[in-house]
PDB file of N, CA and C in Angstrom:
ATOM      1  N   MET A   1      -9.586  20.570   4.036  1.00  0.00           N
ATOM      2  CA  MET A   1      -9.189  19.319   4.659  1.00  0.00           C
ATOM      3  C   MET A   1     -10.214  18.909   5.716  1.00  0.00           C
ATOM      4  N   PRO A   2     -10.518  17.616   5.786  1.00  0.00           N
ATOM      5  CA  PRO A   2     -11.455  17.153   6.814  1.00  0.00           C
ATOM      6  C   PRO A   2     -10.898  17.383   8.222  1.00  0.00           C
ATOM      7  N   PHE A   3     -11.798  17.466   9.175  1.00  0.00           N
ATOM      8  CA  PHE A   3     -11.395  17.710  10.565  1.00  0.00           C
ATOM      9  C   PHE A   3     -10.530  16.588  11.128  1.00  0.00           C
ATOM     10  N   PHE A   4     -10.622  15.401  10.552  1.00  0.00           N
ATOM     11  CA  PHE A   4      -9.869  14.250  11.070  1.00  0.00           C
ATOM     12  C   PHE A   4      -8.514  14.070  10.375  1.00  0.00           C
ATOM     13  N   THR A   5      -8.088  15.061   9.595  1.00  0.00           N
ATOM     14  CA  THR A   5      -6.779  15.002   8.944  1.00  0.00           C
ATOM     15  C   THR A   5      -5.675  15.015   9.998  1.00  0.00           C
ATOM     16  N   PRO A   6      -4.756  14.045   9.943  1.00  0.00           N
ATOM     17  CA  PRO A   6      -3.655  14.030  10.922  1.00  0.00           C
ATOM     18  C   PRO A   6      -2.739  15.238  10.723  1.00  0.00           C
ATOM     19  N   PRO A   7      -1.990  15.602  11.752  1.00  0.00           N
ATOM     20  CA  PRO A   7      -1.035  16.705  11.599  1.00  0.00           C
ATOM     21  C   PRO A   7       0.064  16.316  10.599  1.00  0.00           C
ATOM     22  N   ASN A   8       0.597  17.304   9.921  1.00  0.00           N
ATOM     23  CA  ASN A   8       1.614  17.059   8.884  1.00  0.00           C
ATOM     24  C   ASN A   8       2.814  16.276   9.393  1.00  0.00           C
ATOM     25  N   TRP A   9       3.227  16.511  10.636  1.00  0.00           N
ATOM     26  CA  TRP A   9       4.419  15.850  11.165  1.00  0.00           C
ATOM     27  C   TRP A   9       4.246  14.335  11.264  1.00  0.00           C
ATOM     28  N   LEU A  10       3.007  13.841  11.251  1.00  0.00           N
ATOM     29  CA  LEU A  10       2.750  12.411  11.417  1.00  0.00           C
ATOM     30  C   LEU A  10       3.012  11.611  10.133  1.00  0.00           C
ATOM     31  N   PHE A  11       2.923  12.263   8.984  1.00  0.00           N
ATOM     32  CA  PHE A  11       3.005  11.525   7.725  1.00  0.00           C
ATOM     33  C   PHE A  11       4.365  10.861   7.500  1.00  0.00           C
ATOM     34  N   ALA A  12       5.455  11.558   7.729  1.00  0.00           N
ATOM     35  CA  ALA A  12       6.787  10.968   7.493  1.00  0.00           C
ATOM     36  C   ALA A  12       7.050   9.757   8.388  1.00  0.00           C
ATOM     37  N   PRO A  13       6.813   9.839   9.707  1.00  0.00           N
ATOM     38  CA  PRO A  13       7.035   8.637  10.523  1.00  0.00           C
ATOM     39  C   PRO A  13       6.083   7.492  10.161  1.00  0.00           C
ATOM     40  N   ALA A  14       4.842   7.829   9.840  1.00  0.00           N
ATOM     41  CA  ALA A  14       3.880   6.778   9.479  1.00  0.00           C
ATOM     42  C   ALA A  14       4.347   6.043   8.228  1.00  0.00           C
ATOM     43  N   TRP A  15       4.735   6.794   7.197  1.00  0.00           N
ATOM     44  CA  TRP A  15       5.184   6.148   5.966  1.00  0.00           C
ATOM     45  C   TRP A  15       6.493   5.401   6.158  1.00  0.00           C
ATOM     46  N   THR A  16       7.350   5.882   7.023  1.00  0.00           N
ATOM     47  CA  THR A  16       8.597   5.166   7.305  1.00  0.00           C
ATOM     48  C   THR A  16       8.292   3.784   7.870  1.00  0.00           C
ATOM     49  N   VAL A  17       7.412   3.728   8.849  1.00  0.00           N
ATOM     50  CA  VAL A  17       7.023   2.443   9.447  1.00  0.00           C
ATOM     51  C   VAL A  17       6.337   1.559   8.408  1.00  0.00           C
ATOM     52  N   LEU A  18       5.438   2.135   7.634  1.00  0.00           N
ATOM     53  CA  LEU A  18       4.712   1.342   6.636  1.00  0.00           C
ATOM     54  C   LEU A  18       5.647   0.773   5.574  1.00  0.00           C
ATOM     55  N   TYR A  19       6.607   1.574   5.103  1.00  0.00           N
ATOM     56  CA  TYR A  19       7.554   1.057   4.108  1.00  0.00           C
ATOM     57  C   TYR A  19       8.453  -0.027   4.700  1.00  0.00           C
ATOM     58  N   LEU A  20       8.800   0.086   5.964  1.00  0.00           N
ATOM     59  CA  LEU A  20       9.559  -0.986   6.620  1.00  0.00           C
ATOM     60  C   LEU A  20       8.735  -2.269   6.672  1.00  0.00           C
ATOM     61  N   LEU A  21       7.454  -2.149   6.993  1.00  0.00           N
ATOM     62  CA  LEU A  21       6.575  -3.324   7.029  1.00  0.00           C
ATOM     63  C   LEU A  21       6.429  -3.940   5.638  1.00  0.00           C
ATOM     64  N   ILE A  22       6.261  -3.099   4.626  1.00  0.00           N
ATOM     65  CA  ILE A  22       6.147  -3.595   3.251  1.00  0.00           C
ATOM     66  C   ILE A  22       7.439  -4.312   2.852  1.00  0.00           C
ATOM     67  N   GLY A  23       8.581  -3.751   3.223  1.00  0.00           N
ATOM     68  CA  GLY A  23       9.863  -4.395   2.942  1.00  0.00           C
ATOM     69  C   GLY A  23       9.993  -5.736   3.638  1.00  0.00           C
ATOM     70  N   LEU A  24       9.504  -5.816   4.859  1.00  0.00           N
ATOM     71  CA  LEU A  24       9.531  -7.079   5.595  1.00  0.00           C
ATOM     72  C   LEU A  24       8.638  -8.115   4.921  1.00  0.00           C
ATOM     73  N   VAL A  25       7.489  -7.697   4.438  1.00  0.00           N
ATOM     74  CA  VAL A  25       6.604  -8.605   3.701  1.00  0.00           C
ATOM     75  C   VAL A  25       7.302  -9.096   2.433  1.00  0.00           C
ATOM     76  N   LEU A  26       7.970  -8.203   1.737  1.00  0.00           N
ATOM     77  CA  LEU A  26       8.725  -8.584   0.543  1.00  0.00           C
ATOM     78  C   LEU A  26       9.771  -9.642   0.891  1.00  0.00           C
ATOM     79  N   TYR A  27      10.480  -9.434   1.992  1.00  0.00           N
ATOM     80  CA  TYR A  27      11.495 -10.392   2.447  1.00  0.00           C
ATOM     81  C   TYR A  27      10.856 -11.744   2.786  1.00  0.00           C
ATOM     82  N   ILE A  28       9.751 -11.724   3.506  1.00  0.00           N
ATOM     83  CA  ILE A  28       9.058 -12.971   3.870  1.00  0.00           C
ATOM     84  C   ILE A  28       8.645 -13.730   2.612  1.00  0.00           C
ATOM     85  N   CYS A  29       8.104 -13.015   1.635  1.00  0.00           N
ATOM     86  CA  CYS A  29       7.690 -13.656   0.385  1.00  0.00           C
ATOM     87  C   CYS A  29       8.892 -14.219  -0.365  1.00  0.00           C
ATOM     88  N   TRP A  30       9.979 -13.477  -0.354  1.00  0.00           N
ATOM     89  CA  TRP A  30      11.189 -13.900  -1.066  1.00  0.00           C
ATOM     90  C   TRP A  30      11.765 -15.180  -0.461  1.00  0.00           C
ATOM     91  N   ILE A  31      11.971 -15.192   0.860  1.00  0.00           N
ATOM     92  CA  ILE A  31      12.636 -16.357   1.470  1.00  0.00           C
ATOM     93  C   ILE A  31      11.745 -17.589   1.509  1.00  0.00           C
ATOM     94  N   ASN A  32      10.438 -17.395   1.423  1.00  0.00           N
ATOM     95  CA  ASN A  32       9.521 -18.535   1.465  1.00  0.00           C
ATOM     96  C   ASN A  32       9.052 -18.985   0.088  1.00  0.00           C
ATOM     97  N   GLY A  33       9.547 -18.357  -0.960  1.00  0.00           N
ATOM     98  CA  GLY A  33       9.210 -18.785  -2.317  1.00  0.00           C
ATOM     99  C   GLY A  33       7.800 -18.453  -2.758  1.00  0.00           C
ATOM    100  N   PHE A  34       7.192 -17.448  -2.126  1.00  0.00           N
ATOM    101  CA  PHE A  34       5.814 -17.106  -2.488  1.00  0.00           C
ATOM    102  C   PHE A  34       5.718 -16.458  -3.864  1.00  0.00           C
ATOM    103  N   TRP A  35       6.868 -16.023  -4.421  1.00  0.00           N
ATOM    104  CA  TRP A  35       6.819 -15.371  -5.729  1.00  0.00           C
ATOM    105  C   TRP A  35       6.508 -16.355  -6.838  1.00  0.00           C
ATOM    106  N   ASN A  36       6.461 -17.642  -6.517  1.00  0.00           N
ATOM    107  CA  ASN A  36       6.008 -18.617  -7.503  1.00  0.00           C
ATOM    108  C   ASN A  36       4.540 -18.399  -7.832  1.00  0.00           C
ATOM    109  N   ASN A  37       3.818 -17.766  -6.920  1.00  0.00           N
ATOM    110  CA  ASN A  37       2.416 -17.426  -7.159  1.00  0.00           C
ATOM    111  C   ASN A  37       2.383 -16.123  -7.960  1.00  0.00           C
ATOM    112  N   GLN A  38       2.084 -16.240  -9.247  1.00  0.00           N
ATOM    113  CA  GLN A  38       2.132 -15.074 -10.136  1.00  0.00           C
ATOM    114  C   GLN A  38       1.099 -14.012  -9.763  1.00  0.00           C
ATOM    115  N   LYS A  39      -0.055 -14.431  -9.275  1.00  0.00           N
ATOM    116  CA  LYS A  39      -1.076 -13.457  -8.872  1.00  0.00           C
ATOM    117  C   LYS A  39      -0.589 -12.619  -7.697  1.00  0.00           C
ATOM    118  N   LEU A  40       0.033 -13.266  -6.723  1.00  0.00           N
ATOM    119  CA  LEU A  40       0.554 -12.542  -5.565  1.00  0.00           C
ATOM    120  C   LEU A  40       1.661 -11.585  -5.992  1.00  0.00           C
ATOM    121  N   LYS A  41       2.573 -12.072  -6.816  1.00  0.00           N
ATOM    122  CA  LYS A  41       3.672 -11.220  -7.274  1.00  0.00           C
ATOM    123  C   LYS A  41       3.129 -10.007  -8.039  1.00  0.00           C
ATOM    124  N   PHE A  42       2.168 -10.236  -8.927  1.00  0.00           N
ATOM    125  CA  PHE A  42       1.590  -9.141  -9.704  1.00  0.00           C
ATOM    126  C   PHE A  42       0.896  -8.131  -8.795  1.00  0.00           C
ATOM    127  N   ALA A  43       0.052  -8.614  -7.879  1.00  0.00           N
ATOM    128  CA  ALA A  43      -0.688  -7.710  -6.983  1.00  0.00           C
ATOM    129  C   ALA A  43       0.270  -6.911  -6.109  1.00  0.00           C
ATOM    130  N   PHE A  44       1.295  -7.563  -5.584  1.00  0.00           N
ATOM    131  CA  PHE A  44       2.237  -6.880  -4.696  1.00  0.00           C
ATOM    132  C   PHE A  44       2.972  -5.758  -5.432  1.00  0.00           C
ATOM    133  N   PHE A  45       3.519  -6.071  -6.601  1.00  0.00           N
ATOM    134  CA  PHE A  45       4.295  -5.057  -7.317  1.00  0.00           C
ATOM    135  C   PHE A  45       3.401  -4.005  -7.971  1.00  0.00           C
ATOM    136  N   LEU A  46       2.170  -4.367  -8.299  1.00  0.00           N
ATOM    137  CA  LEU A  46       1.219  -3.369  -8.798  1.00  0.00           C
ATOM    138  C   LEU A  46       0.909  -2.348  -7.715  1.00  0.00           C
ATOM    139  N   GLN A  47       0.623  -2.822  -6.504  1.00  0.00           N
ATOM    140  CA  GLN A  47       0.307  -1.873  -5.433  1.00  0.00           C
ATOM    141  C   GLN A  47       1.514  -0.997  -5.112  1.00  0.00           C
ATOM    142  N   LEU A  48       2.705  -1.564  -5.202  1.00  0.00           N
ATOM    143  CA  LEU A  48       3.913  -0.775  -4.945  1.00  0.00           C
ATOM    144  C   LEU A  48       4.080   0.321  -6.007  1.00  0.00           C
ATOM    145  N   ALA A  49       3.863  -0.046  -7.275  1.00  0.00           N
ATOM    146  CA  ALA A  49       3.972   0.939  -8.361  1.00  0.00           C
ATOM    147  C   ALA A  49       2.916   2.033  -8.213  1.00  0.00           C
ATOM    148  N   LEU A  50       1.691   1.638  -7.895  1.00  0.00           N
ATOM    149  CA  LEU A  50       0.621   2.631  -7.714  1.00  0.00           C
ATOM    150  C   LEU A  50       0.921   3.550  -6.537  1.00  0.00           C
ATOM    151  N   ASN A  51       1.513   2.989  -5.496  1.00  0.00           N
ATOM    152  CA  ASN A  51       1.892   3.794  -4.336  1.00  0.00           C
ATOM    153  C   ASN A  51       2.903   4.864  -4.747  1.00  0.00           C
ATOM    154  N   PHE A  52       3.919   4.461  -5.488  1.00  0.00           N
ATOM    155  CA  PHE A  52       4.962   5.400  -5.903  1.00  0.00           C
ATOM    156  C   PHE A  52       4.454   6.423  -6.923  1.00  0.00           C
ATOM    157  N   LEU A  53       3.410   6.078  -7.674  1.00  0.00           N
ATOM    158  CA  LEU A  53       2.860   7.003  -8.666  1.00  0.00           C
ATOM    159  C   LEU A  53       1.981   8.093  -8.062  1.00  0.00           C
ATOM    160  N   TRP A  54       1.414   7.841  -6.897  1.00  0.00           N
ATOM    161  CA  TRP A  54       0.420   8.763  -6.358  1.00  0.00           C
ATOM    162  C   TRP A  54       0.960  10.175  -6.166  1.00  0.00           C
ATOM    163  N   SER A  55       2.084  10.328  -5.522  1.00  0.00           N
ATOM    164  CA  SER A  55       2.624  11.674  -5.267  1.00  0.00           C
ATOM    165  C   SER A  55       2.901  12.457  -6.549  1.00  0.00           C
ATOM    166  N   PRO A  56       3.572  11.860  -7.552  1.00  0.00           N
ATOM    167  CA  PRO A  56       3.774  12.623  -8.790  1.00  0.00           C
ATOM    168  C   PRO A  56       2.463  13.008  -9.485  1.00  0.00           C
ATOM    169  N   LEU A  57       1.466  12.126  -9.418  1.00  0.00           N
ATOM    170  CA  LEU A  57       0.182  12.450 -10.044  1.00  0.00           C
ATOM    171  C   LEU A  57      -0.539  13.561  -9.292  1.00  0.00           C
ATOM    172  N   PHE A  58      -0.621  13.412  -7.981  1.00  0.00           N
ATOM    173  CA  PHE A  58      -1.392  14.355  -7.168  1.00  0.00           C
ATOM    174  C   PHE A  58      -0.657  15.674  -6.977  1.00  0.00           C
ATOM    175  N   PHE A  59       0.604  15.601  -6.557  1.00  0.00           N
ATOM    176  CA  PHE A  59       1.355  16.821  -6.257  1.00  0.00           C
ATOM    177  C   PHE A  59       2.111  17.353  -7.477  1.00  0.00           C
ATOM    178  N   GLY A  60       2.803  16.454  -8.196  1.00  0.00           N
ATOM    179  CA  GLY A  60       3.610  16.889  -9.338  1.00  0.00           C
ATOM    180  C   GLY A  60       2.763  17.458 -10.464  1.00  0.00           C
ATOM    181  N   LEU A  61       1.780  16.691 -10.900  1.00  0.00           N
ATOM    182  CA  LEU A  61       0.892  17.154 -11.967  1.00  0.00           C
ATOM    183  C   LEU A  61      -0.239  18.024 -11.431  1.00  0.00           C
ATOM    184  N   GLN A  62      -0.371  18.064 -10.117  1.00  0.00           N
ATOM    185  CA  GLN A  62      -1.456  18.795  -9.455  1.00  0.00           C
ATOM    186  C   GLN A  62      -2.809  18.389 -10.044  1.00  0.00           C
ATOM    187  N   ASN A  63      -2.984  17.062 -10.123  1.00  0.00           N
ATOM    188  CA  ASN A  63      -4.192  16.516 -10.723  1.00  0.00           C
ATOM    189  C   ASN A  63      -4.909  15.625  -9.709  1.00  0.00           C
ATOM    190  N   PRO A  64      -5.825  16.203  -8.931  1.00  0.00           N
ATOM    191  CA  PRO A  64      -6.539  15.418  -7.924  1.00  0.00           C
ATOM    192  C   PRO A  64      -7.353  14.264  -8.514  1.00  0.00           C
ATOM    193  N   LEU A  65      -7.866  14.424  -9.727  1.00  0.00           N
ATOM    194  CA  LEU A  65      -8.656  13.355 -10.335  1.00  0.00           C
ATOM    195  C   LEU A  65      -7.790  12.131 -10.637  1.00  0.00           C
ATOM    196  N   LEU A  66      -6.606  12.353 -11.221  1.00  0.00           N
ATOM    197  CA  LEU A  66      -5.686  11.233 -11.452  1.00  0.00           C
ATOM    198  C   LEU A  66      -5.225  10.628 -10.127  1.00  0.00           C
ATOM    199  N   GLY A  67      -4.985  11.493  -9.140  1.00  0.00           N
ATOM    200  CA  GLY A  67      -4.603  11.010  -7.819  1.00  0.00           C
ATOM    201  C   GLY A  67      -5.686  10.141  -7.205  1.00  0.00           C
ATOM    202  N   LEU A  68      -6.942  10.553  -7.365  1.00  0.00           N
ATOM    203  CA  LEU A  68      -8.064   9.773  -6.834  1.00  0.00           C
ATOM    204  C   LEU A  68      -8.173   8.428  -7.543  1.00  0.00           C
ATOM    205  N   PHE A  69      -8.065   8.441  -8.868  1.00  0.00           N
ATOM    206  CA  PHE A  69      -8.099   7.190  -9.624  1.00  0.00           C
ATOM    207  C   PHE A  69      -6.980   6.260  -9.162  1.00  0.00           C
ATOM    208  N   ASP A  70      -5.783   6.819  -8.988  1.00  0.00           N
ATOM    209  CA  ASP A  70      -4.637   6.023  -8.553  1.00  0.00           C
ATOM    210  C   ASP A  70      -4.879   5.424  -7.169  1.00  0.00           C
ATOM    211  N   ILE A  71      -5.342   6.232  -6.224  1.00  0.00           N
ATOM    212  CA  ILE A  71      -5.461   5.720  -4.851  1.00  0.00           C
ATOM    213  C   ILE A  71      -6.601   4.707  -4.721  1.00  0.00           C
ATOM    214  N   ILE A  72      -7.661   4.861  -5.509  1.00  0.00           N
ATOM    215  CA  ILE A  72      -8.731   3.850  -5.481  1.00  0.00           C
ATOM    216  C   ILE A  72      -8.218   2.538  -6.072  1.00  0.00           C
ATOM    217  N   THR A  73      -7.460   2.634  -7.158  1.00  0.00           N
ATOM    218  CA  THR A  73      -6.852   1.435  -7.745  1.00  0.00           C
ATOM    219  C   THR A  73      -5.845   0.826  -6.774  1.00  0.00           C
ATOM    220  N   LEU A  74      -5.102   1.686  -6.082  1.00  0.00           N
ATOM    221  CA  LEU A  74      -4.158   1.227  -5.055  1.00  0.00           C
ATOM    222  C   LEU A  74      -4.889   0.481  -3.948  1.00  0.00           C
ATOM    223  N   ASP A  75      -6.001   1.032  -3.488  1.00  0.00           N
ATOM    224  CA  ASP A  75      -6.796   0.352  -2.457  1.00  0.00           C
ATOM    225  C   ASP A  75      -7.150  -1.065  -2.900  1.00  0.00           C
ATOM    226  N   LEU A  76      -7.634  -1.191  -4.128  1.00  0.00           N
ATOM    227  CA  LEU A  76      -8.033  -2.506  -4.642  1.00  0.00           C
ATOM    228  C   LEU A  76      -6.835  -3.448  -4.769  1.00  0.00           C
ATOM    229  N   ALA A  77      -5.706  -2.920  -5.207  1.00  0.00           N
ATOM    230  CA  ALA A  77      -4.502  -3.750  -5.348  1.00  0.00           C
ATOM    231  C   ALA A  77      -3.990  -4.221  -3.990  1.00  0.00           C
ATOM    232  N   VAL A  78      -4.051  -3.355  -2.983  1.00  0.00           N
ATOM    233  CA  VAL A  78      -3.606  -3.761  -1.638  1.00  0.00           C
ATOM    234  C   VAL A  78      -4.580  -4.780  -1.053  1.00  0.00           C
ATOM    235  N   ILE A  79      -5.871  -4.579  -1.264  1.00  0.00           N
ATOM    236  CA  ILE A  79      -6.853  -5.567  -0.793  1.00  0.00           C
ATOM    237  C   ILE A  79      -6.563  -6.926  -1.431  1.00  0.00           C
ATOM    238  N   ALA A  80      -6.309  -6.948  -2.736  1.00  0.00           N
ATOM    239  CA  ALA A  80      -5.983  -8.207  -3.421  1.00  0.00           C
ATOM    240  C   ALA A  80      -4.705  -8.816  -2.852  1.00  0.00           C
ATOM    241  N   THR A  81      -3.700  -7.989  -2.612  1.00  0.00           N
ATOM    242  CA  THR A  81      -2.435  -8.471  -2.045  1.00  0.00           C
ATOM    243  C   THR A  81      -2.658  -9.086  -0.673  1.00  0.00           C
ATOM    244  N   VAL A  82      -3.422  -8.411   0.157  1.00  0.00           N
ATOM    245  CA  VAL A  82      -3.690  -8.902   1.516  1.00  0.00           C
ATOM    246  C   VAL A  82      -4.434 -10.235   1.464  1.00  0.00           C
ATOM    247  N   ILE A  83      -5.422 -10.338   0.586  1.00  0.00           N
ATOM    248  CA  ILE A  83      -6.172 -11.597   0.454  1.00  0.00           C
ATOM    249  C   ILE A  83      -5.241 -12.723   0.013  1.00  0.00           C
ATOM    250  N   LEU A  84      -4.406 -12.456  -0.979  1.00  0.00           N
ATOM    251  CA  LEU A  84      -3.478 -13.482  -1.465  1.00  0.00           C
ATOM    252  C   LEU A  84      -2.430 -13.842  -0.419  1.00  0.00           C
ATOM    253  N   LEU A  85      -1.960 -12.849   0.332  1.00  0.00           N
ATOM    254  CA  LEU A  85      -0.987 -13.134   1.394  1.00  0.00           C
ATOM    255  C   LEU A  85      -1.591 -14.021   2.477  1.00  0.00           C
ATOM    256  N   HIS A  86      -2.859 -13.820   2.765  1.00  0.00           N
ATOM    257  CA  HIS A  86      -3.525 -14.604   3.811  1.00  0.00           C
ATOM    258  C   HIS A  86      -3.435 -16.095   3.521  1.00  0.00           C
ATOM    259  N   ARG A  87      -3.413 -16.450   2.254  1.00  0.00           N
ATOM    260  CA  ARG A  87      -3.331 -17.865   1.854  1.00  0.00           C
ATOM    261  C   ARG A  87      -1.935 -18.454   2.055  1.00  0.00           C
ATOM    262  N   HIS A  88      -0.922 -17.578   2.182  1.00  0.00           N
ATOM    263  CA  HIS A  88       0.466 -18.044   2.236  1.00  0.00           C
ATOM    264  C   HIS A  88       1.146 -17.834   3.585  1.00  0.00           C
ATOM    265  N   SER A  89       0.874 -16.701   4.214  1.00  0.00           N
ATOM    266  CA  SER A  89       1.600 -16.372   5.441  1.00  0.00           C
ATOM    267  C   SER A  89       0.748 -15.471   6.320  1.00  0.00           C
ATOM    268  N   LYS A  90       0.402 -15.982   7.486  1.00  0.00           N
ATOM    269  CA  LYS A  90      -0.376 -15.171   8.413  1.00  0.00           C
ATOM    270  C   LYS A  90       0.426 -13.943   8.853  1.00  0.00           C
ATOM    271  N   LEU A  91       1.735 -14.114   9.050  1.00  0.00           N
ATOM    272  CA  LEU A  91       2.576 -12.995   9.467  1.00  0.00           C
ATOM    273  C   LEU A  91       2.601 -11.902   8.399  1.00  0.00           C
ATOM    274  N   ALA A  92       2.848 -12.274   7.146  1.00  0.00           N
ATOM    275  CA  ALA A  92       2.873 -11.285   6.063  1.00  0.00           C
ATOM    276  C   ALA A  92       1.512 -10.611   5.932  1.00  0.00           C
ATOM    277  N   PHE A  93       0.461 -11.378   6.062  1.00  0.00           N
ATOM    278  CA  PHE A  93      -0.901 -10.836   6.034  1.00  0.00           C
ATOM    279  C   PHE A  93      -1.083  -9.775   7.117  1.00  0.00           C
ATOM    280  N   LEU A  94      -0.692 -10.109   8.339  1.00  0.00           N
ATOM    281  CA  LEU A  94      -0.856  -9.173   9.459  1.00  0.00           C
ATOM    282  C   LEU A  94       0.013  -7.923   9.297  1.00  0.00           C
ATOM    283  N   LEU A  95       1.206  -8.101   8.737  1.00  0.00           N
ATOM    284  CA  LEU A  95       2.102  -6.956   8.542  1.00  0.00           C
ATOM    285  C   LEU A  95       1.572  -5.969   7.500  1.00  0.00           C
ATOM    286  N   MET A  96       0.720  -6.435   6.591  1.00  0.00           N
ATOM    287  CA  MET A  96       0.158  -5.550   5.565  1.00  0.00           C
ATOM    288  C   MET A  96      -1.095  -4.814   6.036  1.00  0.00           C
ATOM    289  N   LEU A  97      -1.703  -5.253   7.122  1.00  0.00           N
ATOM    290  CA  LEU A  97      -2.953  -4.628   7.562  1.00  0.00           C
ATOM    291  C   LEU A  97      -2.810  -3.152   7.943  1.00  0.00           C
ATOM    292  N   PRO A  98      -1.733  -2.736   8.634  1.00  0.00           N
ATOM    293  CA  PRO A  98      -1.607  -1.296   8.914  1.00  0.00           C
ATOM    294  C   PRO A  98      -1.514  -0.456   7.636  1.00  0.00           C
ATOM    295  N   TYR A  99      -0.830  -0.972   6.642  1.00  0.00           N
ATOM    296  CA  TYR A  99      -0.719  -0.279   5.351  1.00  0.00           C
ATOM    297  C   TYR A  99      -2.093  -0.150   4.699  1.00  0.00           C
ATOM    298  N   LEU A 100      -2.842  -1.242   4.695  1.00  0.00           N
ATOM    299  CA  LEU A 100      -4.192  -1.212   4.133  1.00  0.00           C
ATOM    300  C   LEU A 100      -5.051  -0.187   4.862  1.00  0.00           C
ATOM    301  N   ALA A 101      -4.998  -0.200   6.181  1.00  0.00           N
ATOM    302  CA  ALA A 101      -5.787   0.760   6.965  1.00  0.00           C
ATOM    303  C   ALA A 101      -5.382   2.196   6.638  1.00  0.00           C
ATOM    304  N   TRP A 102      -4.088   2.446   6.533  1.00  0.00           N
ATOM    305  CA  TRP A 102      -3.598   3.808   6.273  1.00  0.00           C
ATOM    306  C   TRP A 102      -4.028   4.311   4.899  1.00  0.00           C
ATOM    307  N   ILE A 103      -3.914   3.464   3.867  1.00  0.00           N
ATOM    308  CA  ILE A 103      -4.284   3.965   2.540  1.00  0.00           C
ATOM    309  C   ILE A 103      -5.793   4.111   2.394  1.00  0.00           C
ATOM    310  N   LEU A 104      -6.564   3.266   3.074  1.00  0.00           N
ATOM    311  CA  LEU A 104      -8.018   3.467   3.056  1.00  0.00           C
ATOM    312  C   LEU A 104      -8.370   4.776   3.751  1.00  0.00           C
ATOM    313  N   PHE A 105      -7.686   5.060   4.850  1.00  0.00           N
ATOM    314  CA  PHE A 105      -7.871   6.333   5.546  1.00  0.00           C
ATOM    315  C   PHE A 105      -7.442   7.495   4.645  1.00  0.00           C
ATOM    316  N   ALA A 106      -6.307   7.339   3.959  1.00  0.00           N
ATOM    317  CA  ALA A 106      -5.812   8.387   3.056  1.00  0.00           C
ATOM    318  C   ALA A 106      -6.794   8.646   1.919  1.00  0.00           C
ATOM    319  N   THR A 107      -7.487   7.614   1.477  1.00  0.00           N
ATOM    320  CA  THR A 107      -8.482   7.780   0.419  1.00  0.00           C
ATOM    321  C   THR A 107      -9.610   8.701   0.885  1.00  0.00           C
ATOM    322  N   LEU A 108      -9.970   8.589   2.148  1.00  0.00           N
ATOM    323  CA  LEU A 108     -11.007   9.471   2.702  1.00  0.00           C
ATOM    324  C   LEU A 108     -10.564  10.930   2.732  1.00  0.00           C
ATOM    325  N   LEU A 109      -9.264  11.130   2.922  1.00  0.00           N
ATOM    326  CA  LEU A 109      -8.758  12.503   3.012  1.00  0.00           C
ATOM    327  C   LEU A 109      -8.832  13.181   1.661  1.00  0.00           C
TER     328      LEU A 109
END
């Protein structure tokens, strides 16, 4: 593990906050009708699916290569989501930035 790896106790609270932020973004998109934008809807749900797949691939199958492929694809999907959100809602855009930062950091780990 790299020297900059956070302590294990930090992961659960970090992901709890990030999932709350992602849920809030989902709510903002829902109430404002942003799901009419098919690209945004696709990017958002793709990144969510890739996020949920990472643990089973990396830990369940014990396959770091599949995990790496998943997290790099996840990075790209979140970047696309953030770019598309920026066009619709500054608040939703800002709420996704901590998630983007965390998964880019996780990719380094």
